[in-house]
Amino acid sequence: MLFWCDYARAIWFSSACSYKPNSMGFPSFARWWIAVDQEFHADYDSLNLIALVCWHSWKERNRVVFHHVQPNPCYVTRQISKCFDEIFQTTTPISSMVPRSSVSNSPANWTPPSTGFIKFNFNASWKEGSSIAAIVVIARNSKGDLIDGYAKKVIIASPLSGEANAFLQAIILAMATGVKSIILETDSLIIFSAFQGKQDGNY
């Protein structure tokens, strides 16, 4: 019900949780949770996220049974992300998650776009062993003037998913600003290659 039916598997798969239930099963929920606690000892972000997946899966089951609606794994995943974000949004400042080595104090490495274009630089920063990342998008014109920006903490299953999330937010920001001539810039070769259709693999 919480792990192996088609809808439960879809929720676990689509969530940002790095843990995926063992298809071999386990003798009881209590023993499963003890094993999870041992595996993710002191990694409270992951433990909280796993608990949220279970809780919202149970709520969705009740919604289906008592309100006679169709199960919606995508809806559940959004609710999990929203709840997780609300828990941590005010507890960990973004600045504490960005390694000093990743912050440049000089604009020398940034190349301005051609006149009439807006360049969207996007990136994700995270702490090793954490499921929390900070994603940042900066939009600047040919003069280097700041046009718009976006920053938020998100839950991730991997560093690559953090970069992909930043890429998505860059596109959303570009669409929201109504800019027609844009340049998207990233330091992730995998994201760059995937966008050009040159990268195969499991995402």
Protein backbone atom coordinates (compact mmCIF):
# COMPACT_ATOMS: atom_id res chain seq x y z
CA MET A 1 0.00 0.00 0.00
CA LEU A 2 2.80 2.43 0.87
CA PHE A 3 5.49 0.78 -1.21
CA TRP A 4 4.68 -1.71 -3.97
CA CYS A 5 1.38 -0.99 -5.67
CA ASP A 6 1.73 0.79 -9.01
CA TYR A 7 0.74 4.18 -7.61
CA ALA A 8 3.00 3.90 -4.56
CA ARG A 9 5.96 2.96 -6.75
CA ALA A 10 5.22 5.96 -8.95
CA ILE A 11 5.28 8.25 -5.91
CA TRP A 12 8.60 6.89 -4.66
CA PHE A 13 10.10 7.09 -8.14
CA SER A 14 8.95 10.65 -8.87
CA SER A 15 9.83 12.08 -5.47
CA ALA A 16 13.22 13.63 -4.78
CA CYS A 17 13.88 10.98 -2.14
CA SER A 18 17.11 9.09 -2.81
CA TYR A 19 15.73 6.02 -1.02
CA LYS A 20 13.69 3.50 -3.00
CA PRO A 21 11.97 0.56 -1.21
CA ASN A 22 13.46 -2.88 -1.70
CA SER A 23 11.18 -4.92 -3.95
CA MET A 24 12.01 -8.02 -1.84
CA GLY A 25 9.94 -6.55 0.98
CA PHE A 26 10.45 -6.61 4.75
CA PRO A 27 8.80 -8.43 7.70
CA SER A 28 7.13 -5.38 9.30
CA PHE A 29 6.89 -1.61 9.03
CA ALA A 30 8.63 -1.18 12.39
CA ARG A 31 11.63 -3.28 11.35
CA TRP A 32 11.74 -1.45 8.02
CA TRP A 33 11.90 1.93 9.75
CA ILE A 34 14.64 0.74 12.09
CA ALA A 35 16.68 -0.35 9.05
CA VAL A 36 16.05 2.99 7.33
CA ASP A 37 17.09 4.88 10.47
CA GLN A 38 20.32 2.89 10.62
CA GLU A 39 21.02 3.47 6.92
CA PHE A 40 20.41 7.23 7.08
CA HIS A 41 21.73 7.76 10.60
CA ALA A 42 22.05 11.51 11.35
CA ASP A 43 20.89 12.40 7.84
CA TYR A 44 17.74 14.09 9.07
CA ASP A 45 16.87 15.59 5.69
CA SER A 46 16.58 12.14 4.12
CA LEU A 47 14.73 10.68 7.10
CA ASN A 48 12.22 13.53 7.07
CA LEU A 49 11.70 13.14 3.35
CA ILE A 50 11.15 9.37 3.60
CA ALA A 51 8.63 9.94 6.39
CA LEU A 52 6.83 12.55 4.28
CA VAL A 53 6.58 10.14 1.34
CA CYS A 54 4.96 7.55 3.60
CA TRP A 55 2.61 10.07 5.21
CA HIS A 56 1.40 11.62 1.96
CA SER A 57 1.06 8.18 0.34
CA TRP A 58 -1.19 7.18 3.23
CA LYS A 59 -3.22 10.40 2.89
CA GLU A 60 -3.64 9.75 -0.83
CA ARG A 61 -4.82 6.22 -0.11
CA ASN A 62 -7.47 7.61 2.25
CA ARG A 63 -8.47 10.23 -0.32
CA VAL A 64 -9.01 7.51 -2.91
CA VAL A 65 -10.93 5.20 -0.54
CA PHE A 66 -13.15 7.73 1.18
CA HIS A 67 -13.61 10.40 -1.50
CA HIS A 68 -13.63 8.04 -4.48
CA VAL A 69 -11.13 9.98 -6.57
CA GLN A 70 -8.52 8.70 -8.98
CA PRO A 71 -5.04 8.36 -7.41
CA ASN A 72 -2.66 11.03 -8.62
CA PRO A 73 1.06 10.34 -7.95
CA CYS A 74 2.08 13.70 -9.48
CA TYR A 75 -0.20 15.56 -7.08
CA VAL A 76 1.25 13.62 -4.13
CA THR A 77 4.81 14.38 -5.22
CA ARG A 78 4.04 18.09 -5.41
CA GLN A 79 2.50 17.97 -1.92
CA ILE A 80 5.60 16.22 -0.56
CA SER A 81 7.89 18.83 -2.10
CA LYS A 82 5.72 21.67 -0.82
CA CYS A 83 5.64 20.29 2.71
CA PHE A 84 9.38 19.60 2.76
CA ASP A 85 10.09 23.07 1.43
CA GLU A 86 7.92 24.66 4.13
CA ILE A 87 9.78 22.76 6.84
CA PHE A 88 13.26 23.78 5.73
CA GLN A 89 12.73 27.09 3.96
CA THR A 90 13.11 29.08 7.18
CA THR A 91 15.57 26.85 9.02
CA THR A 92 18.66 26.83 6.77
CA PRO A 93 19.87 30.01 5.08
CA ILE A 94 20.84 29.52 1.45
CA SER A 95 24.19 31.22 2.05
CA SER A 96 25.22 28.43 4.45
CA MET A 97 24.74 25.85 1.73
CA VAL A 98 26.96 27.45 -0.89
CA PRO A 99 30.63 26.44 -0.64
CA ARG A 100 32.95 29.45 -0.61
CA SER A 101 34.98 27.93 -3.43
CA SER A 102 31.93 28.07 -5.69
CA VAL A 103 31.38 31.80 -5.20
CA SER A 104 33.29 34.12 -7.48
CA ASN A 105 33.97 37.69 -6.39
CA SER A 106 35.06 38.74 -9.87
CA PRO A 107 32.85 39.15 -12.95
CA ALA A 108 35.85 38.51 -15.20
CA ASN A 109 34.63 35.01 -16.10
CA TRP A 110 31.25 36.26 -17.26
CA THR A 111 30.87 37.16 -20.93
CA PRO A 112 28.04 39.57 -21.77
CA PRO A 113 25.53 38.58 -24.46
CA SER A 114 25.09 40.45 -27.72
CA THR A 115 22.92 43.55 -27.76
CA GLY A 116 19.24 42.66 -27.56
CA PHE A 117 19.89 39.35 -25.81
CA ILE A 118 19.43 38.42 -22.15
CA LYS A 119 21.75 35.82 -20.66
CA PHE A 120 20.39 33.49 -18.00
CA ASN A 121 23.09 31.90 -15.86
CA PHE A 122 21.88 29.08 -13.63
CA ASN A 123 23.56 26.86 -11.08
CA ALA A 124 22.91 24.59 -8.10
CA SER A 125 24.95 24.27 -4.92
CA TRP A 126 24.64 21.59 -2.26
CA LYS A 127 26.39 20.06 0.70
CA GLU A 128 27.72 16.54 0.28
CA GLY A 129 25.44 14.01 1.91
CA SER A 130 22.46 16.37 2.00
CA SER A 131 19.25 16.22 -0.01
CA ILE A 132 18.90 20.02 0.06
CA ALA A 133 20.27 22.24 -2.69
CA ALA A 134 20.21 25.95 -3.42
CA ILE A 135 19.39 26.82 -7.02
CA VAL A 136 20.11 30.24 -8.45
CA VAL A 137 19.23 31.91 -11.75
CA ILE A 138 20.64 35.31 -12.77
CA ALA A 139 19.44 37.25 -15.83
CA ARG A 140 21.63 40.06 -17.22
CA ASN A 141 21.67 42.14 -20.38
CA SER A 142 24.56 43.06 -22.68
CA LYS A 143 25.64 45.82 -20.27
CA GLY A 144 25.80 43.44 -17.33
CA ASP A 145 22.73 44.99 -15.70
CA LEU A 146 20.70 42.65 -13.53
CA ILE A 147 17.31 42.10 -15.20
CA ASP A 148 15.82 39.43 -12.97
CA GLY A 149 16.76 36.53 -10.75
CA TYR A 150 15.57 33.53 -8.82
CA ALA A 151 16.86 31.68 -5.74
CA LYS A 152 15.32 28.88 -3.74
CA LYS A 153 16.11 25.83 -1.65
CA VAL A 154 14.89 22.57 -3.18
CA ILE A 155 15.04 18.88 -2.40
CA ILE A 156 17.14 16.78 -4.76
CA ALA A 157 17.81 13.11 -5.39
CA SER A 158 21.27 13.83 -6.82
CA PRO A 159 23.53 16.80 -7.73
CA LEU A 160 22.50 16.35 -11.37
CA SER A 161 18.82 16.71 -10.47
CA GLY A 162 19.71 20.00 -8.76
CA GLU A 163 21.33 21.28 -11.94
CA ALA A 164 18.32 20.11 -13.96
CA ASN A 165 15.98 21.91 -11.55
CA ALA A 166 18.00 25.13 -11.97
CA PHE A 167 17.79 24.70 -15.75
CA LEU A 168 14.01 24.35 -15.54
CA GLN A 169 13.70 27.47 -13.38
CA ALA A 170 15.85 29.42 -15.86
CA ILE A 171 13.43 28.51 -18.65
CA ILE A 172 10.42 29.40 -16.49
CA LEU A 173 11.98 32.75 -15.57
CA ALA A 174 12.76 33.51 -19.21
CA MET A 175 9.18 32.75 -20.20
CA ALA A 176 7.82 34.88 -17.35
CA THR A 177 9.90 37.89 -18.34
CA GLY A 178 8.67 37.67 -21.93
CA VAL A 179 12.18 37.84 -23.37
CA LYS A 180 12.41 36.48 -26.92
CA SER A 181 16.19 36.48 -27.46
CA ILE A 182 17.91 34.56 -24.69
CA ILE A 183 21.10 32.68 -23.91
CA LEU A 184 21.16 29.92 -21.30
CA GLU A 185 24.55 29.35 -19.69
CA THR A 186 25.56 26.51 -17.38
CA ASP A 187 28.76 24.91 -16.13
CA SER A 188 27.19 21.43 -16.29
CA LEU A 189 28.39 19.56 -19.36
CA ILE A 190 25.73 16.87 -18.87
CA ILE A 191 22.89 19.41 -18.84
CA PHE A 192 24.39 21.21 -21.84
CA SER A 193 24.76 17.96 -23.82
CA ALA A 194 21.27 16.75 -22.86
CA PHE A 195 19.74 20.03 -24.01
CA GLN A 196 21.44 19.60 -27.38
CA GLY A 197 20.25 15.98 -27.61
CA LYS A 198 23.76 14.60 -27.40
CA GLN A 199 23.51 12.94 -23.99
CA ASP A 200 21.93 9.56 -23.38
CA GLY A 201 21.34 8.04 -19.98
CA ASN A 202 18.93 7.65 -17.11
CA TYR A 203 17.72 10.83 -15.53
